[in-house]
Protein backbone atom coordinates (compact mmCIF):
# COMPACT_ATOMS: atom_id res chain seq x y z
CA MET A 1 -32.50 7.24 -55.57
CA LYS A 2 -35.66 5.78 -57.11
CA GLU A 3 -35.26 7.83 -60.30
CA ARG A 4 -31.88 6.18 -60.98
CA GLU A 5 -33.48 2.75 -60.61
CA LEU A 6 -36.29 3.82 -62.93
CA PHE A 7 -33.70 4.89 -65.49
CA LEU A 8 -31.74 1.64 -65.23
CA LEU A 9 -34.91 -0.43 -65.70
CA ALA A 10 -36.07 1.64 -68.67
CA ASP A 11 -32.62 1.68 -70.24
CA ALA A 12 -32.36 -2.11 -69.89
CA ALA A 13 -35.77 -2.48 -71.56
CA LEU A 14 -34.68 -0.33 -74.48
CA ARG A 15 -31.42 -2.26 -74.86
CA GLU A 16 -33.28 -5.56 -74.77
CA VAL A 17 -35.47 -4.42 -77.65
CA ILE A 18 -32.61 -2.89 -79.64
CA ASP A 19 -30.63 -6.11 -79.20
CA ASN A 20 -33.52 -7.94 -80.89
CA ILE A 21 -33.52 -5.74 -83.99
CA THR A 22 -32.19 -7.52 -87.06
CA PRO A 23 -29.96 -5.58 -89.48
CA ASP A 24 -32.64 -5.66 -92.22
CA GLN A 25 -35.17 -4.09 -89.82
CA LEU A 26 -32.99 -0.98 -89.47
CA GLU A 27 -34.45 0.28 -92.75
CA LEU A 28 -38.05 0.08 -91.52
CA PRO A 29 -39.83 3.45 -91.63
CA VAL A 30 -40.90 4.89 -88.28
CA PRO A 31 -43.30 7.69 -87.34
CA GLU A 32 -41.75 11.13 -87.82
CA ASP A 33 -42.43 12.08 -84.20
CA TRP A 34 -40.00 9.38 -83.07
CA VAL A 35 -37.04 11.25 -84.59
CA ARG A 36 -37.80 14.70 -85.85
CA ILE A 37 -36.30 14.28 -89.30
CA PRO A 38 -37.99 13.62 -92.65
CA ASP A 39 -38.61 9.99 -93.60
CA PRO A 40 -36.96 8.44 -90.52
CA THR A 41 -36.01 4.79 -90.30
CA LEU A 42 -35.38 2.54 -87.35
CA LEU A 43 -31.65 3.15 -87.90
CA ASP A 44 -32.29 6.86 -87.26
CA VAL A 45 -34.04 5.94 -84.00
CA VAL A 46 -31.12 3.74 -82.88
CA ALA A 47 -28.72 6.57 -83.79
CA ALA A 48 -30.76 9.04 -81.74
CA HIS A 49 -30.70 6.71 -78.76
CA ALA A 50 -26.95 6.18 -79.14
CA TYR A 51 -26.49 9.96 -79.15
CA ASP A 52 -28.69 10.28 -76.05
CA GLU A 53 -26.75 7.49 -74.30
CA ALA A 54 -23.42 9.08 -75.22
CA TRP A 55 -24.40 12.25 -73.38
CA VAL A 56 -25.29 10.53 -70.10
CA PRO A 57 -21.77 10.56 -68.53
CA ASP A 58 -21.22 14.23 -69.38
CA VAL A 59 -24.66 15.28 -68.16
CA LEU A 60 -24.13 13.44 -64.88
CA ALA A 61 -20.72 15.13 -64.54
CA GLY A 62 -22.52 18.50 -64.72
CA ARG A 63 -21.07 19.51 -68.08
CA THR A 64 -22.91 21.99 -70.25
CA ILE A 65 -23.60 21.76 -73.98
CA ASP A 66 -20.92 24.40 -74.59
CA GLU A 67 -18.36 22.41 -72.61
CA VAL A 68 -19.07 19.19 -74.50
CA ASP A 69 -19.31 21.02 -77.85
CA ASP A 70 -19.65 18.65 -80.83
CA LYS A 71 -17.97 15.67 -79.15
CA TYR A 72 -20.88 13.46 -80.22
CA GLY A 73 -21.39 14.93 -83.68
CA GLY A 74 -21.18 12.60 -86.63
CA ASP A 75 -21.91 8.91 -86.92
CA LEU A 76 -21.73 7.12 -83.57
CA LEU A 77 -22.87 3.79 -85.03
CA GLY A 78 -20.36 3.03 -87.79
CA GLY A 79 -20.59 -0.23 -89.72
CA ASP A 80 -22.18 -2.26 -86.91
CA PRO A 81 -24.97 -0.05 -85.52
CA LEU A 82 -26.35 -2.52 -82.99
CA ALA A 83 -22.97 -3.36 -81.45
CA ALA A 84 -22.05 0.33 -81.42
CA TYR A 85 -25.26 1.16 -79.56
CA ASP A 86 -24.45 -1.53 -76.98
CA ALA A 87 -20.96 -0.09 -76.46
CA VAL A 88 -22.32 3.42 -75.87
CA ASN A 89 -25.01 1.99 -73.60
CA ASP A 90 -22.35 0.17 -71.54
CA VAL A 91 -20.51 3.45 -70.90
CA ALA A 92 -23.74 5.21 -69.89
CA THR A 93 -24.68 2.38 -67.52
CA VAL A 94 -21.29 2.58 -65.78
CA ALA A 95 -21.76 6.34 -65.33
CA VAL A 96 -25.25 5.93 -63.89
CA ASN A 97 -24.03 3.31 -61.40
CA ARG A 98 -21.32 5.60 -60.00
CA ALA A 99 -21.93 7.76 -56.96
CA ILE A 100 -24.11 10.64 -58.13
CA ASP A 101 -24.99 13.84 -56.35
CA PRO A 102 -28.81 13.73 -56.21
CA ASP A 103 -28.77 17.52 -55.89
CA GLY A 104 -26.60 17.86 -58.98
CA VAL A 105 -27.78 19.80 -62.00
CA ALA A 106 -28.33 18.30 -65.44
CA HIS A 107 -27.80 20.91 -68.17
CA LEU A 108 -30.17 19.92 -70.98
CA THR A 109 -31.11 21.53 -74.27
CA TYR A 110 -34.46 22.52 -72.78
CA GLY A 111 -33.18 23.84 -69.45
CA ASP A 112 -31.41 22.95 -66.23
CA PHE A 113 -32.98 20.27 -64.03
CA PRO A 114 -32.05 18.27 -60.94
CA VAL A 115 -30.34 15.00 -61.84
CA THR A 116 -33.30 13.09 -60.40
CA GLU A 117 -35.63 14.83 -62.84
CA TYR A 118 -33.21 14.16 -65.72
CA PHE A 119 -33.35 10.44 -64.89
CA GLN A 120 -37.13 10.60 -64.88
CA HIS A 121 -37.30 12.37 -68.26
CA ILE A 122 -34.97 10.00 -70.06
CA ALA A 123 -36.40 6.90 -68.39
CA VAL A 124 -39.92 7.70 -69.54
CA TYR A 125 -38.64 8.30 -73.08
CA ARG A 126 -36.69 5.03 -73.15
CA ALA A 127 -39.44 2.87 -71.65
CA PHE A 128 -42.14 3.92 -74.08
CA GLN A 129 -39.72 3.82 -77.03
CA ALA A 130 -38.80 0.24 -76.06
CA TRP A 131 -42.45 -0.74 -76.18
CA SER A 132 -43.06 1.15 -79.44
CA ILE A 133 -40.03 -0.31 -81.22
CA ALA A 134 -40.96 -3.81 -80.06
CA LYS A 135 -44.42 -3.40 -81.57
CA LEU A 136 -42.94 -2.03 -84.80
CA ILE A 137 -40.65 -5.03 -85.30
CA GLY A 138 -43.23 -7.58 -84.13
CA LEU A 139 -41.29 -8.56 -81.04
CA GLU A 140 -43.24 -10.28 -78.28
CA PHE A 141 -42.26 -7.90 -75.48
CA HIS A 142 -43.64 -6.65 -72.22
CA LEU A 143 -42.28 -4.03 -69.87
CA ARG A 144 -41.12 -5.75 -66.70
CA PRO A 145 -43.57 -5.48 -63.79
CA GLU A 146 -41.10 -3.49 -61.66
CA LEU A 147 -40.66 -1.00 -64.51
CA VAL A 148 -44.43 -0.73 -64.98
CA ASP A 149 -44.84 -0.09 -61.23
CA ALA A 150 -42.09 2.55 -61.23
CA LEU A 151 -43.56 4.28 -64.29
CA TRP A 152 -47.00 4.15 -62.70
CA GLN A 153 -45.68 5.94 -59.61
CA GLN A 154 -43.70 8.52 -61.60
CA VAL A 155 -45.98 9.15 -64.58
CA VAL A 156 -49.61 8.60 -63.67
CA PRO A 157 -49.83 11.32 -60.96
CA GLN A 158 -48.62 13.92 -63.46
CA VAL A 159 -49.77 12.41 -66.76
CA ASP A 160 -51.98 15.38 -67.63
CA GLY A 161 -49.04 17.78 -67.28
CA TRP A 162 -46.88 15.56 -69.48
CA ARG A 163 -49.74 15.31 -71.96
CA ALA A 164 -50.05 19.12 -72.05
CA MET A 165 -46.33 19.29 -72.97
CA GLY A 166 -46.91 16.86 -75.83
CA VAL A 167 -45.10 13.92 -74.25
CA PHE A 168 -48.19 11.71 -74.32
CA GLY A 169 -51.17 11.57 -76.61
CA PRO A 170 -54.80 11.38 -75.51
CA ALA A 171 -55.68 8.55 -73.15
CA VAL A 172 -57.48 5.56 -74.61
CA GLU A 173 -59.82 3.21 -72.83
CA ALA A 174 -58.20 -0.01 -71.72
CA PRO A 175 -60.26 -3.18 -72.02
CA ALA A 176 -62.06 -4.44 -68.93
CA GLY A 177 -59.75 -6.50 -66.75
CA ALA A 178 -56.60 -5.15 -68.43
CA ASP A 179 -53.28 -5.78 -66.71
CA ARG A 180 -51.31 -2.90 -65.24
CA GLU A 181 -49.01 -2.59 -68.26
CA THR A 182 -51.99 -2.22 -70.60
CA GLN A 183 -53.60 0.29 -68.24
CA LEU A 184 -50.37 2.34 -68.19
CA LEU A 185 -50.10 2.23 -71.97
CA ALA A 186 -53.75 3.28 -72.28
CA ILE A 187 -53.43 6.19 -69.85
CA THR A 188 -50.43 7.48 -71.81
CA GLY A 189 -52.09 6.98 -75.19
CA TYR A 190 -49.81 4.19 -76.43
CA TRP A 191 -52.10 1.17 -76.23
CA ARG A 192 -54.19 0.30 -79.25
CA PRO A 193 -56.84 -2.43 -79.42
C-alpha cells in the first residue's frame, strides 16, 4: 500500500525534526494556522502532533470518535514533551506496520474515508509540518528524495483541489534549475526565496 509507505516516510521526517527541537525552542511562537488556538507556541504544535499520533491506532482499528471518547483529552506530553511525543509516535508506528485492511474505513472528524486516503491526508500534513518546523528552528533539513517523489505523485496531480480546500496556499515560482523538493514546496506555496 503506497499510502502507508508515504505516511511512514512523512511521519519519520516529522519525528526527525521534532527530535531536533531543544526545550527552549518549545516556547517559540508559531503561525496561528499551524494550531488553531490564540498565540500558539511550538509546544502547542508538538502537543497537536502527539494528539494526532495517539489517535492512529484507534483510527486504524475502525473506532469512531464516540467509541474513543475523551481517551486522549488532557496533557499527553507531561514534563518531558519531546520524549512523550516519541513514545506516542512509537505506538502509532507499530499500529501502522501491522496488517491493515486497505478497504477499511477511517472515521475522522471531517468524515469517513478509506484508510488509504487517511494515510494520504495525515502524511501530507506531517511532511509539510516537518519542513515548516525545521525552517522555524533554523534546522538544516531536507525532505528525503523518496518522500519528495511520493508526495509529488500523491499531491501534484490534485494540488488545485487541495488548494481549494485551504490545505495549500497559492503556488510560488521556483527558481530556474530548482531541485524537485524546491519545486514541490513552490507548487504547494511553502517555498520562499
